[in-house]
Amino acid sequence: MAKQVITLLTDDLDGGEADRTVEFGLDGVNYTIDLSEKNAGKLRKALDPFLSAATRVGRSGNESRASGGRRGAGAATGRASRDQNQAIREWAAKNGYEVSDRGRIPGSVVEAYRNRR
């Protein structure tokens, strides 16, 4: 006996039928949202002035790693990340978090740093 599975997308904004899943990112966080064509158009229209002024850095994810290439802008991106990690480590030490001098910084510490205002 054959089965047929039908997936229906629901618009995350208005609860109606969604036509697509839209992916976007902001402040280093990637998001997905299911939207109708109408609401997807509204999102694109709202973001258009910002996208027009922004510099595109490519798609996020593991695409470039899978092909053996480097991600993004290369060494400049690495330096910015190292500088940012150092700033996070210094902030964490001053605010009672235990973070090692090397290695991965726990996500909870990074989140607290980003929400420090």
PDB file of N, CA and C in Angstrom:
ATOM      1  N   MET A   1       0.846  -1.166   0.000  1.00  0.00           N
ATOM      2  CA  MET A   1       0.000   0.000   0.000  1.00  0.00           C
ATOM      3  C   MET A   1       0.898   1.237   0.000  1.00  0.00           C
ATOM      4  N   ALA A   2       0.625   2.173  -0.848  1.00  0.00           N
ATOM      5  CA  ALA A   2       1.406   3.404  -0.953  1.00  0.00           C
ATOM      6  C   ALA A   2       0.817   4.471  -0.047  1.00  0.00           C
ATOM      7  N   LYS A   3       1.704   5.287   0.509  1.00  0.00           N
ATOM      8  CA  LYS A   3       1.277   6.420   1.323  1.00  0.00           C
ATOM      9  C   LYS A   3       1.641   7.696   0.601  1.00  0.00           C
ATOM     10  N   GLN A   4       0.803   8.679   0.772  1.00  0.00           N
ATOM     11  CA  GLN A   4       1.098   9.993   0.235  1.00  0.00           C
ATOM     12  C   GLN A   4       1.027  10.970   1.404  1.00  0.00           C
ATOM     13  N   VAL A   5       2.134  11.644   1.674  1.00  0.00           N
ATOM     14  CA  VAL A   5       2.193  12.607   2.763  1.00  0.00           C
ATOM     15  C   VAL A   5       2.139  14.001   2.157  1.00  0.00           C
ATOM     16  N   ILE A   6       1.205  14.792   2.632  1.00  0.00           N
ATOM     17  CA  ILE A   6       1.042  16.154   2.133  1.00  0.00           C
ATOM     18  C   ILE A   6       1.406  17.114   3.257  1.00  0.00           C
ATOM     19  N   THR A   7       2.323  18.011   2.969  1.00  0.00           N
ATOM     20  CA  THR A   7       2.735  19.011   3.946  1.00  0.00           C
ATOM     21  C   THR A   7       2.098  20.339   3.576  1.00  0.00           C
ATOM     22  N   LEU A   8       1.367  20.908   4.506  1.00  0.00           N
ATOM     23  CA  LEU A   8       0.751  22.217   4.300  1.00  0.00           C
ATOM     24  C   LEU A   8       1.496  23.237   5.143  1.00  0.00           C
ATOM     25  N   LEU A   9       1.935  24.306   4.509  1.00  0.00           N
ATOM     26  CA  LEU A   9       2.608  25.373   5.242  1.00  0.00           C
ATOM     27  C   LEU A   9       1.579  26.386   5.716  1.00  0.00           C
ATOM     28  N   THR A  10       1.741  26.839   6.938  1.00  0.00           N
ATOM     29  CA  THR A  10       0.869  27.858   7.504  1.00  0.00           C
ATOM     30  C   THR A  10       1.670  29.142   7.660  1.00  0.00           C
ATOM     31  N   ASP A  11       1.106  30.247   7.185  1.00  0.00           N
ATOM     32  CA  ASP A  11       1.764  31.544   7.285  1.00  0.00           C
ATOM     33  C   ASP A  11       1.971  31.883   8.759  1.00  0.00           C
ATOM     34  N   ASP A  12       3.226  32.133   9.126  1.00  0.00           N
ATOM     35  CA  ASP A  12       3.551  32.413  10.523  1.00  0.00           C
ATOM     36  C   ASP A  12       3.037  33.769  10.998  1.00  0.00           C
ATOM     37  N   LEU A  13       2.654  34.655  10.074  1.00  0.00           N
ATOM     38  CA  LEU A  13       2.138  35.963  10.475  1.00  0.00           C
ATOM     39  C   LEU A  13       0.628  35.971  10.666  1.00  0.00           C
ATOM     40  N   ASP A  14      -0.091  35.438   9.684  1.00  0.00           N
ATOM     41  CA  ASP A  14      -1.551  35.570   9.739  1.00  0.00           C
ATOM     42  C   ASP A  14      -2.308  34.252   9.854  1.00  0.00           C
ATOM     43  N   GLY A  15      -1.603  33.129   9.889  1.00  0.00           N
ATOM     44  CA  GLY A  15      -2.266  31.837  10.053  1.00  0.00           C
ATOM     45  C   GLY A  15      -2.893  31.275   8.798  1.00  0.00           C
ATOM     46  N   GLY A  16      -2.824  32.004   7.698  1.00  0.00           N
ATOM     47  CA  GLY A  16      -3.361  31.518   6.431  1.00  0.00           C
ATOM     48  C   GLY A  16      -2.411  30.527   5.775  1.00  0.00           C
ATOM     49  N   GLU A  17      -2.713  30.172   4.536  1.00  0.00           N
ATOM     50  CA  GLU A  17      -1.864  29.232   3.811  1.00  0.00           C
ATOM     51  C   GLU A  17      -0.583  29.925   3.357  1.00  0.00           C
ATOM     52  N   ALA A  18       0.545  29.287   3.613  1.00  0.00           N
ATOM     53  CA  ALA A  18       1.840  29.838   3.204  1.00  0.00           C
ATOM     54  C   ALA A  18       2.261  29.194   1.893  1.00  0.00           C
ATOM     55  N   ASP A  19       2.979  29.970   1.088  1.00  0.00           N
ATOM     56  CA  ASP A  19       3.450  29.482  -0.203  1.00  0.00           C
ATOM     57  C   ASP A  19       4.915  29.072  -0.172  1.00  0.00           C
ATOM     58  N   ARG A  20       5.660  29.593   0.790  1.00  0.00           N
ATOM     59  CA  ARG A  20       7.100  29.355   0.800  1.00  0.00           C
ATOM     60  C   ARG A  20       7.690  29.581   2.180  1.00  0.00           C
ATOM     61  N   THR A  21       8.887  29.061   2.351  1.00  0.00           N
ATOM     62  CA  THR A  21       9.674  29.326   3.551  1.00  0.00           C
ATOM     63  C   THR A  21      10.757  30.321   3.162  1.00  0.00           C
ATOM     64  N   VAL A  22      10.819  31.427   3.861  1.00  0.00           N
ATOM     65  CA  VAL A  22      11.789  32.481   3.582  1.00  0.00           C
ATOM     66  C   VAL A  22      12.894  32.394   4.630  1.00  0.00           C
ATOM     67  N   GLU A  23      14.139  32.443   4.181  1.00  0.00           N
ATOM     68  CA  GLU A  23      15.293  32.429   5.071  1.00  0.00           C
ATOM     69  C   GLU A  23      15.942  33.803   5.058  1.00  0.00           C
ATOM     70  N   PHE A  24      16.357  34.276   6.231  1.00  0.00           N
ATOM     71  CA  PHE A  24      17.094  35.531   6.308  1.00  0.00           C
ATOM     72  C   PHE A  24      17.940  35.529   7.565  1.00  0.00           C
ATOM     73  N   GLY A  25      18.872  36.463   7.648  1.00  0.00           N
ATOM     74  CA  GLY A  25      19.754  36.534   8.804  1.00  0.00           C
ATOM     75  C   GLY A  25      19.936  37.964   9.260  1.00  0.00           C
ATOM     76  N   LEU A  26      20.203  38.119  10.558  1.00  0.00           N
ATOM     77  CA  LEU A  26      20.455  39.436  11.129  1.00  0.00           C
ATOM     78  C   LEU A  26      21.307  39.264  12.377  1.00  0.00           C
ATOM     79  N   ASP A  27      22.341  40.061  12.503  1.00  0.00           N
ATOM     80  CA  ASP A  27      23.223  40.022  13.674  1.00  0.00           C
ATOM     81  C   ASP A  27      23.782  38.632  13.948  1.00  0.00           C
ATOM     82  N   GLY A  28      24.113  37.914  12.892  1.00  0.00           N
ATOM     83  CA  GLY A  28      24.718  36.599  13.046  1.00  0.00           C
ATOM     84  C   GLY A  28      23.747  35.478  13.356  1.00  0.00           C
ATOM     85  N   VAL A  29      22.454  35.771  13.340  1.00  0.00           N
ATOM     86  CA  VAL A  29      21.440  34.757  13.623  1.00  0.00           C
ATOM     87  C   VAL A  29      20.624  34.527  12.359  1.00  0.00           C
ATOM     88  N   ASN A  30      20.458  33.260  11.978  1.00  0.00           N
ATOM     89  CA  ASN A  30      19.663  32.915  10.805  1.00  0.00           C
ATOM     90  C   ASN A  30      18.253  32.554  11.228  1.00  0.00           C
ATOM     91  N   TYR A  31      17.280  32.970  10.418  1.00  0.00           N
ATOM     92  CA  TYR A  31      15.873  32.738  10.702  1.00  0.00           C
ATOM     93  C   TYR A  31      15.195  32.107   9.496  1.00  0.00           C
ATOM     94  N   THR A  32      14.111  31.376   9.732  1.00  0.00           N
ATOM     95  CA  THR A  32      13.216  30.937   8.668  1.00  0.00           C
ATOM     96  C   THR A  32      11.803  31.291   9.093  1.00  0.00           C
ATOM     97  N   ILE A  33      10.980  31.631   8.120  1.00  0.00           N
ATOM     98  CA  ILE A  33       9.588  31.962   8.388  1.00  0.00           C
ATOM     99  C   ILE A  33       8.759  31.502   7.194  1.00  0.00           C
ATOM    100  N   ASP A  34       7.629  30.873   7.464  1.00  0.00           N
ATOM    101  CA  ASP A  34       6.719  30.434   6.407  1.00  0.00           C
ATOM    102  C   ASP A  34       5.758  31.574   6.116  1.00  0.00           C
ATOM    103  N   LEU A  35       5.679  31.971   4.833  1.00  0.00           N
ATOM    104  CA  LEU A  35       4.872  33.127   4.451  1.00  0.00           C
ATOM    105  C   LEU A  35       4.102  32.880   3.164  1.00  0.00           C
ATOM    106  N   SER A  36       2.979  33.579   3.030  1.00  0.00           N
ATOM    107  CA  SER A  36       2.261  33.622   1.760  1.00  0.00           C
ATOM    108  C   SER A  36       3.058  34.518   0.817  1.00  0.00           C
ATOM    109  N   GLU A  37       2.736  34.475  -0.461  1.00  0.00           N
ATOM    110  CA  GLU A  37       3.413  35.355  -1.423  1.00  0.00           C
ATOM    111  C   GLU A  37       3.226  36.815  -1.013  1.00  0.00           C
ATOM    112  N   LYS A  38       2.025  37.150  -0.549  1.00  0.00           N
ATOM    113  CA  LYS A  38       1.716  38.526  -0.146  1.00  0.00           C
ATOM    114  C   LYS A  38       2.615  38.967   1.006  1.00  0.00           C
ATOM    115  N   ASN A  39       2.705  38.156   2.054  1.00  0.00           N
ATOM    116  CA  ASN A  39       3.526  38.531   3.208  1.00  0.00           C
ATOM    117  C   ASN A  39       5.019  38.456   2.902  1.00  0.00           C
ATOM    118  N   ALA A  40       5.431  37.529   2.035  1.00  0.00           N
ATOM    119  CA  ALA A  40       6.836  37.476   1.616  1.00  0.00           C
ATOM    120  C   ALA A  40       7.193  38.761   0.870  1.00  0.00           C
ATOM    121  N   GLY A  41       6.263  39.238   0.049  1.00  0.00           N
ATOM    122  CA  GLY A  41       6.467  40.499  -0.658  1.00  0.00           C
ATOM    123  C   GLY A  41       6.588  41.674   0.299  1.00  0.00           C
ATOM    124  N   LYS A  42       5.759  41.671   1.350  1.00  0.00           N
ATOM    125  CA  LYS A  42       5.830  42.735   2.358  1.00  0.00           C
ATOM    126  C   LYS A  42       7.186  42.732   3.061  1.00  0.00           C
ATOM    127  N   LEU A  43       7.673  41.531   3.390  1.00  0.00           N
ATOM    128  CA  LEU A  43       8.978  41.421   4.046  1.00  0.00           C
ATOM    129  C   LEU A  43      10.077  41.951   3.129  1.00  0.00           C
ATOM    130  N   ARG A  44      10.053  41.532   1.879  1.00  0.00           N
ATOM    131  CA  ARG A  44      11.079  41.987   0.929  1.00  0.00           C
ATOM    132  C   ARG A  44      11.016  43.502   0.725  1.00  0.00           C
ATOM    133  N   LYS A  45       9.801  44.033   0.650  1.00  0.00           N
ATOM    134  CA  LYS A  45       9.639  45.474   0.462  1.00  0.00           C
ATOM    135  C   LYS A  45      10.178  46.234   1.675  1.00  0.00           C
ATOM    136  N   ALA A  46       9.914  45.715   2.881  1.00  0.00           N
ATOM    137  CA  ALA A  46      10.399  46.370   4.099  1.00  0.00           C
ATOM    138  C   ALA A  46      11.929  46.336   4.177  1.00  0.00           C
ATOM    139  N   LEU A  47      12.531  45.237   3.726  1.00  0.00           N
ATOM    140  CA  LEU A  47      13.988  45.088   3.804  1.00  0.00           C
ATOM    141  C   LEU A  47      14.723  45.743   2.636  1.00  0.00           C
ATOM    142  N   ASP A  48      14.021  46.046   1.556  1.00  0.00           N
ATOM    143  CA  ASP A  48      14.654  46.519   0.326  1.00  0.00           C
ATOM    144  C   ASP A  48      15.601  47.705   0.522  1.00  0.00           C
ATOM    145  N   PRO A  49      15.224  48.768   1.255  1.00  0.00           N
ATOM    146  CA  PRO A  49      16.171  49.883   1.401  1.00  0.00           C
ATOM    147  C   PRO A  49      17.461  49.475   2.114  1.00  0.00           C
ATOM    148  N   PHE A  50      17.354  48.549   3.056  1.00  0.00           N
ATOM    149  CA  PHE A  50      18.530  48.097   3.790  1.00  0.00           C
ATOM    150  C   PHE A  50      19.388  47.183   2.918  1.00  0.00           C
ATOM    151  N   LEU A  51      18.735  46.295   2.161  1.00  0.00           N
ATOM    152  CA  LEU A  51      19.470  45.387   1.283  1.00  0.00           C
ATOM    153  C   LEU A  51      20.173  46.144   0.168  1.00  0.00           C
ATOM    154  N   SER A  52      19.536  47.211  -0.312  1.00  0.00           N
ATOM    155  CA  SER A  52      20.137  48.011  -1.380  1.00  0.00           C
ATOM    156  C   SER A  52      21.416  48.699  -0.914  1.00  0.00           C
ATOM    157  N   ALA A  53      21.472  49.068   0.363  1.00  0.00           N
ATOM    158  CA  ALA A  53      22.640  49.762   0.900  1.00  0.00           C
ATOM    159  C   ALA A  53      23.693  48.806   1.456  1.00  0.00           C
ATOM    160  N   ALA A  54      23.323  47.553   1.657  1.00  0.00           N
ATOM    161  CA  ALA A  54      24.217  46.583   2.293  1.00  0.00           C
ATOM    162  C   ALA A  54      25.168  45.953   1.287  1.00  0.00           C
ATOM    163  N   THR A  55      26.207  45.309   1.803  1.00  0.00           N
ATOM    164  CA  THR A  55      27.138  44.535   0.996  1.00  0.00           C
ATOM    165  C   THR A  55      26.813  43.066   1.179  1.00  0.00           C
ATOM    166  N   ARG A  56      26.593  42.378   0.089  1.00  0.00           N
ATOM    167  CA  ARG A  56      26.279  40.956   0.153  1.00  0.00           C
ATOM    168  C   ARG A  56      27.559  40.163   0.403  1.00  0.00           C
ATOM    169  N   VAL A  57      27.492  39.231   1.337  1.00  0.00           N
ATOM    170  CA  VAL A  57      28.664  38.428   1.664  1.00  0.00           C
ATOM    171  C   VAL A  57      28.468  36.971   1.312  1.00  0.00           C
ATOM    172  N   GLY A  58      27.411  36.629   0.636  1.00  0.00           N
ATOM    173  CA  GLY A  58      27.162  35.249   0.232  1.00  0.00           C
ATOM    174  C   GLY A  58      26.152  34.578   1.126  1.00  0.00           C
ATOM    175  N   ARG A  59      25.887  33.318   0.824  1.00  0.00           N
ATOM    176  CA  ARG A  59      24.920  32.550   1.606  1.00  0.00           C
ATOM    177  C   ARG A  59      25.590  31.999   2.844  1.00  0.00           C
ATOM    178  N   SER A  60      24.812  31.895   3.896  1.00  0.00           N
ATOM    179  CA  SER A  60      25.328  31.279   5.112  1.00  0.00           C
ATOM    180  C   SER A  60      25.219  29.774   4.989  1.00  0.00           C
ATOM    181  N   GLY A  61      25.845  29.061   5.896  1.00  0.00           N
ATOM    182  CA  GLY A  61      25.771  27.605   5.871  1.00  0.00           C
ATOM    183  C   GLY A  61      27.095  26.996   5.488  1.00  0.00           C
ATOM    184  N   ASN A  62      27.077  25.733   5.139  1.00  0.00           N
ATOM    185  CA  ASN A  62      28.306  24.993   4.886  1.00  0.00           C
ATOM    186  C   ASN A  62      28.617  24.820   3.406  1.00  0.00           C
ATOM    187  N   GLU A  63      27.975  25.581   2.538  1.00  0.00           N
ATOM    188  CA  GLU A  63      28.175  25.395   1.104  1.00  0.00           C
ATOM    189  C   GLU A  63      29.632  25.536   0.695  1.00  0.00           C
ATOM    190  N   SER A  64      30.295  26.620   1.133  1.00  0.00           N
ATOM    191  CA  SER A  64      31.674  26.831   0.699  1.00  0.00           C
ATOM    192  C   SER A  64      32.619  25.827   1.343  1.00  0.00           C
ATOM    193  N   ARG A  65      32.326  25.400   2.549  1.00  0.00           N
ATOM    194  CA  ARG A  65      33.174  24.400   3.197  1.00  0.00           C
ATOM    195  C   ARG A  65      33.065  23.061   2.491  1.00  0.00           C
ATOM    196  N   ALA A  66      31.871  22.713   2.048  1.00  0.00           N
ATOM    197  CA  ALA A  66      31.669  21.429   1.378  1.00  0.00           C
ATOM    198  C   ALA A  66      32.461  21.370   0.078  1.00  0.00           C
ATOM    199  N   SER A  67      32.632  22.522  -0.571  1.00  0.00           N
ATOM    200  CA  SER A  67      33.372  22.542  -1.823  1.00  0.00           C
ATOM    201  C   SER A  67      34.864  22.758  -1.603  1.00  0.00           C
ATOM    202  N   GLY A  68      35.285  22.851  -0.346  1.00  0.00           N
ATOM    203  CA  GLY A  68      36.701  23.006  -0.040  1.00  0.00           C
ATOM    204  C   GLY A  68      37.170  24.438   0.006  1.00  0.00           C
ATOM    205  N   GLY A  69      36.285  25.401  -0.242  1.00  0.00           N
ATOM    206  CA  GLY A  69      36.683  26.798  -0.227  1.00  0.00           C
ATOM    207  C   GLY A  69      36.565  27.423   1.138  1.00  0.00           C
ATOM    208  N   ARG A  70      37.075  28.645   1.237  1.00  0.00           N
ATOM    209  CA  ARG A  70      36.957  29.390   2.492  1.00  0.00           C
ATOM    210  C   ARG A  70      35.664  30.172   2.478  1.00  0.00           C
ATOM    211  N   ARG A  71      35.177  30.506   3.647  1.00  0.00           N
ATOM    212  CA  ARG A  71      33.948  31.284   3.753  1.00  0.00           C
ATOM    213  C   ARG A  71      34.269  32.765   3.779  1.00  0.00           C
ATOM    214  N   GLY A  72      33.342  33.558   3.252  1.00  0.00           N
ATOM    215  CA  GLY A  72      33.366  35.000   3.417  1.00  0.00           C
ATOM    216  C   GLY A  72      34.620  35.663   2.903  1.00  0.00           C
ATOM    217  N   ALA A  73      35.111  36.654   3.678  1.00  0.00           N
ATOM    218  CA  ALA A  73      36.212  37.493   3.243  1.00  0.00           C
ATOM    219  C   ALA A  73      37.573  36.966   3.666  1.00  0.00           C
ATOM    220  N   GLY A  74      37.645  35.772   4.173  1.00  0.00           N
ATOM    221  CA  GLY A  74      38.927  35.168   4.496  1.00  0.00           C
ATOM    222  C   GLY A  74      39.547  35.703   5.759  1.00  0.00           C
ATOM    223  N   ALA A  75      40.816  36.113   5.674  1.00  0.00           N
ATOM    224  CA  ALA A  75      41.571  36.504   6.862  1.00  0.00           C
ATOM    225  C   ALA A  75      40.960  37.702   7.568  1.00  0.00           C
ATOM    226  N   ALA A  76      40.396  38.636   6.822  1.00  0.00           N
ATOM    227  CA  ALA A  76      39.793  39.805   7.465  1.00  0.00           C
ATOM    228  C   ALA A  76      38.659  39.378   8.383  1.00  0.00           C
ATOM    229  N   THR A  77      37.867  38.412   7.958  1.00  0.00           N
ATOM    230  CA  THR A  77      36.776  37.902   8.786  1.00  0.00           C
ATOM    231  C   THR A  77      37.334  37.215  10.019  1.00  0.00           C
ATOM    232  N   GLY A  78      38.408  36.436   9.865  1.00  0.00           N
ATOM    233  CA  GLY A  78      39.032  35.768  10.995  1.00  0.00           C
ATOM    234  C   GLY A  78      39.540  36.758  12.028  1.00  0.00           C
ATOM    235  N   ARG A  79      40.149  37.843  11.585  1.00  0.00           N
ATOM    236  CA  ARG A  79      40.669  38.859  12.506  1.00  0.00           C
ATOM    237  C   ARG A  79      39.516  39.503  13.260  1.00  0.00           C
ATOM    238  N   ALA A  80      38.443  39.843  12.574  1.00  0.00           N
ATOM    239  CA  ALA A  80      37.296  40.451  13.246  1.00  0.00           C
ATOM    240  C   ALA A  80      36.734  39.492  14.286  1.00  0.00           C
ATOM    241  N   SER A  81      36.669  38.221  13.962  1.00  0.00           N
ATOM    242  CA  SER A  81      36.147  37.239  14.901  1.00  0.00           C
ATOM    243  C   SER A  81      37.059  37.108  16.111  1.00  0.00           C
ATOM    244  N   ARG A  82      38.361  37.095  15.896  1.00  0.00           N
ATOM    245  CA  ARG A  82      39.299  37.005  17.018  1.00  0.00           C
ATOM    246  C   ARG A  82      39.187  38.226  17.920  1.00  0.00           C
ATOM    247  N   ASP A  83      39.090  39.409  17.297  1.00  0.00           N
ATOM    248  CA  ASP A  83      38.945  40.633  18.085  1.00  0.00           C
ATOM    249  C   ASP A  83      37.646  40.613  18.881  1.00  0.00           C
ATOM    250  N   GLN A  84      36.577  40.177  18.243  1.00  0.00           N
ATOM    251  CA  GLN A  84      35.292  40.115  18.932  1.00  0.00           C
ATOM    252  C   GLN A  84      35.337  39.087  20.064  1.00  0.00           C
ATOM    253  N   ASN A  85      35.931  37.935  19.803  1.00  0.00           N
ATOM    254  CA  ASN A  85      36.046  36.916  20.849  1.00  0.00           C
ATOM    255  C   ASN A  85      36.852  37.433  22.035  1.00  0.00           C
ATOM    256  N   GLN A  86      37.923  38.178  21.757  1.00  0.00           N
ATOM    257  CA  GLN A  86      38.723  38.749  22.841  1.00  0.00           C
ATOM    258  C   GLN A  86      37.886  39.729  23.653  1.00  0.00           C
ATOM    259  N   ALA A  87      37.089  40.556  22.971  1.00  0.00           N
ATOM    260  CA  ALA A  87      36.222  41.509  23.674  1.00  0.00           C
ATOM    261  C   ALA A  87      35.192  40.777  24.531  1.00  0.00           C
ATOM    262  N   ILE A  88      34.640  39.690  24.001  1.00  0.00           N
ATOM    263  CA  ILE A  88      33.670  38.900  24.766  1.00  0.00           C
ATOM    264  C   ILE A  88      34.342  38.298  25.990  1.00  0.00           C
ATOM    265  N   ARG A  89      35.548  37.740  25.821  1.00  0.00           N
ATOM    266  CA  ARG A  89      36.273  37.144  26.950  1.00  0.00           C
ATOM    267  C   ARG A  89      36.553  38.184  28.043  1.00  0.00           C
ATOM    268  N   GLU A  90      36.987  39.381  27.635  1.00  0.00           N
ATOM    269  CA  GLU A  90      37.272  40.437  28.606  1.00  0.00           C
ATOM    270  C   GLU A  90      36.003  40.849  29.338  1.00  0.00           C
ATOM    271  N   TRP A  91      34.913  41.027  28.579  1.00  0.00           N
ATOM    272  CA  TRP A  91      33.635  41.387  29.197  1.00  0.00           C
ATOM    273  C   TRP A  91      33.184  40.297  30.161  1.00  0.00           C
ATOM    274  N   ALA A  92      33.297  39.040  29.743  1.00  0.00           N
ATOM    275  CA  ALA A  92      32.858  37.913  30.570  1.00  0.00           C
ATOM    276  C   ALA A  92      33.634  37.872  31.886  1.00  0.00           C
ATOM    277  N   ALA A  93      34.953  38.070  31.820  1.00  0.00           N
ATOM    278  CA  ALA A  93      35.781  38.040  33.029  1.00  0.00           C
ATOM    279  C   ALA A  93      35.376  39.149  34.000  1.00  0.00           C
ATOM    280  N   LYS A  94      35.075  40.335  33.465  1.00  0.00           N
ATOM    281  CA  LYS A  94      34.681  41.466  34.310  1.00  0.00           C
ATOM    282  C   LYS A  94      33.289  41.283  34.903  1.00  0.00           C
ATOM    283  N   ASN A  95      32.494  40.398  34.304  1.00  0.00           N
ATOM    284  CA  ASN A  95      31.107  40.234  34.732  1.00  0.00           C
ATOM    285  C   ASN A  95      30.825  38.879  35.373  1.00  0.00           C
ATOM    286  N   GLY A  96      31.873  38.213  35.846  1.00  0.00           N
ATOM    287  CA  GLY A  96      31.698  37.008  36.637  1.00  0.00           C
ATOM    288  C   GLY A  96      31.497  35.713  35.880  1.00  0.00           C
ATOM    289  N   TYR A  97      31.725  35.703  34.585  1.00  0.00           N
ATOM    290  CA  TYR A  97      31.620  34.467  33.806  1.00  0.00           C
ATOM    291  C   TYR A  97      32.990  33.798  33.755  1.00  0.00           C
ATOM    292  N   GLU A  98      33.010  32.492  33.828  1.00  0.00           N
ATOM    293  CA  GLU A  98      34.258  31.744  33.689  1.00  0.00           C
ATOM    294  C   GLU A  98      34.399  31.299  32.240  1.00  0.00           C
ATOM    295  N   VAL A  99      35.397  31.853  31.569  1.00  0.00           N
ATOM    296  CA  VAL A  99      35.651  31.533  30.165  1.00  0.00           C
ATOM    297  C   VAL A  99      37.140  31.287  30.012  1.00  0.00           C
ATOM    298  N   SER A 100      37.502  30.218  29.310  1.00  0.00           N
ATOM    299  CA  SER A 100      38.919  29.917  29.098  1.00  0.00           C
ATOM    300  C   SER A 100      39.547  30.937  28.151  1.00  0.00           C
ATOM    301  N   ASP A 101      40.870  31.005  28.176  1.00  0.00           N
ATOM    302  CA  ASP A 101      41.595  31.934  27.309  1.00  0.00           C
ATOM    303  C   ASP A 101      41.558  31.513  25.846  1.00  0.00           C
ATOM    304  N   ARG A 102      41.313  30.231  25.605  1.00  0.00           N
ATOM    305  CA  ARG A 102      41.283  29.703  24.243  1.00  0.00           C
ATOM    306  C   ARG A 102      40.072  28.816  24.079  1.00  0.00           C
ATOM    307  N   GLY A 103      39.743  28.523  22.825  1.00  0.00           N
ATOM    308  CA  GLY A 103      38.645  27.608  22.535  1.00  0.00           C
ATOM    309  C   GLY A 103      37.309  28.316  22.387  1.00  0.00           C
ATOM    310  N   ARG A 104      36.294  27.503  22.257  1.00  0.00           N
ATOM    311  CA  ARG A 104      34.948  27.996  22.013  1.00  0.00           C
ATOM    312  C   ARG A 104      34.386  28.703  23.246  1.00  0.00           C
ATOM    313  N   ILE A 105      33.726  29.832  23.011  1.00  0.00           N
ATOM    314  CA  ILE A 105      33.054  30.563  24.078  1.00  0.00           C
ATOM    315  C   ILE A 105      31.629  30.022  24.168  1.00  0.00           C
ATOM    316  N   PRO A 106      31.171  29.648  25.360  1.00  0.00           N
ATOM    317  CA  PRO A 106      29.810  29.106  25.484  1.00  0.00           C
ATOM    318  C   PRO A 106      28.760  30.065  24.912  1.00  0.00           C
ATOM    319  N   GLY A 107      27.770  29.504  24.247  1.00  0.00           N
ATOM    320  CA  GLY A 107      26.713  30.303  23.634  1.00  0.00           C
ATOM    321  C   GLY A 107      25.997  31.196  24.630  1.00  0.00           C
ATOM    322  N   SER A 108      25.832  30.722  25.863  1.00  0.00           N
ATOM    323  CA  SER A 108      25.148  31.525  26.882  1.00  0.00           C
ATOM    324  C   SER A 108      25.936  32.797  27.197  1.00  0.00           C
ATOM    325  N   VAL A 109      27.266  32.712  27.154  1.00  0.00           N
ATOM    326  CA  VAL A 109      28.104  33.885  27.415  1.00  0.00           C
ATOM    327  C   VAL A 109      28.024  34.853  26.238  1.00  0.00           C
ATOM    328  N   VAL A 110      28.074  34.326  25.021  1.00  0.00           N
ATOM    329  CA  VAL A 110      27.967  35.173  23.827  1.00  0.00           C
ATOM    330  C   VAL A 110      26.621  35.886  23.825  1.00  0.00           C
ATOM    331  N   GLU A 111      25.560  35.160  24.150  1.00  0.00           N
ATOM    332  CA  GLU A 111      24.220  35.757  24.181  1.00  0.00           C
ATOM    333  C   GLU A 111      24.143  36.846  25.248  1.00  0.00           C
ATOM    334  N   ALA A 112      24.693  36.589  26.432  1.00  0.00           N
ATOM    335  CA  ALA A 112      24.696  37.596  27.499  1.00  0.00           C
ATOM    336  C   ALA A 112      25.474  38.834  27.058  1.00  0.00           C
ATOM    337  N   TYR A 113      26.595  38.633  26.363  1.00  0.00           N
ATOM    338  CA  TYR A 113      27.393  39.749  25.854  1.00  0.00           C
ATOM    339  C   TYR A 113      26.578  40.587  24.866  1.00  0.00           C
ATOM    340  N   ARG A 114      25.875  39.921  23.957  1.00  0.00           N
ATOM    341  CA  ARG A 114      25.075  40.640  22.956  1.00  0.00           C
ATOM    342  C   ARG A 114      23.898  41.381  23.586  1.00  0.00           C
ATOM    343  N   ASN A 115      23.388  40.872  24.701  1.00  0.00           N
ATOM    344  CA  ASN A 115      22.229  41.480  25.366  1.00  0.00           C
ATOM    345  C   ASN A 115      22.628  42.377  26.528  1.00  0.00           C
ATOM    346  N   ARG A 116      23.887  42.783  26.607  1.00  0.00           N
ATOM    347  CA  ARG A 116      24.421  43.471  27.782  1.00  0.00           C
ATOM    348  C   ARG A 116      23.879  44.877  27.986  1.00  0.00           C
ATOM    349  N   ARG A 117      23.263  45.460  27.026  1.00  0.00           N
ATOM    350  CA  ARG A 117      22.819  46.861  27.143  1.00  0.00           C
ATOM    351  C   ARG A 117      21.745  47.035  28.119  1.00  0.00           C
TER     352      ARG A 117
END
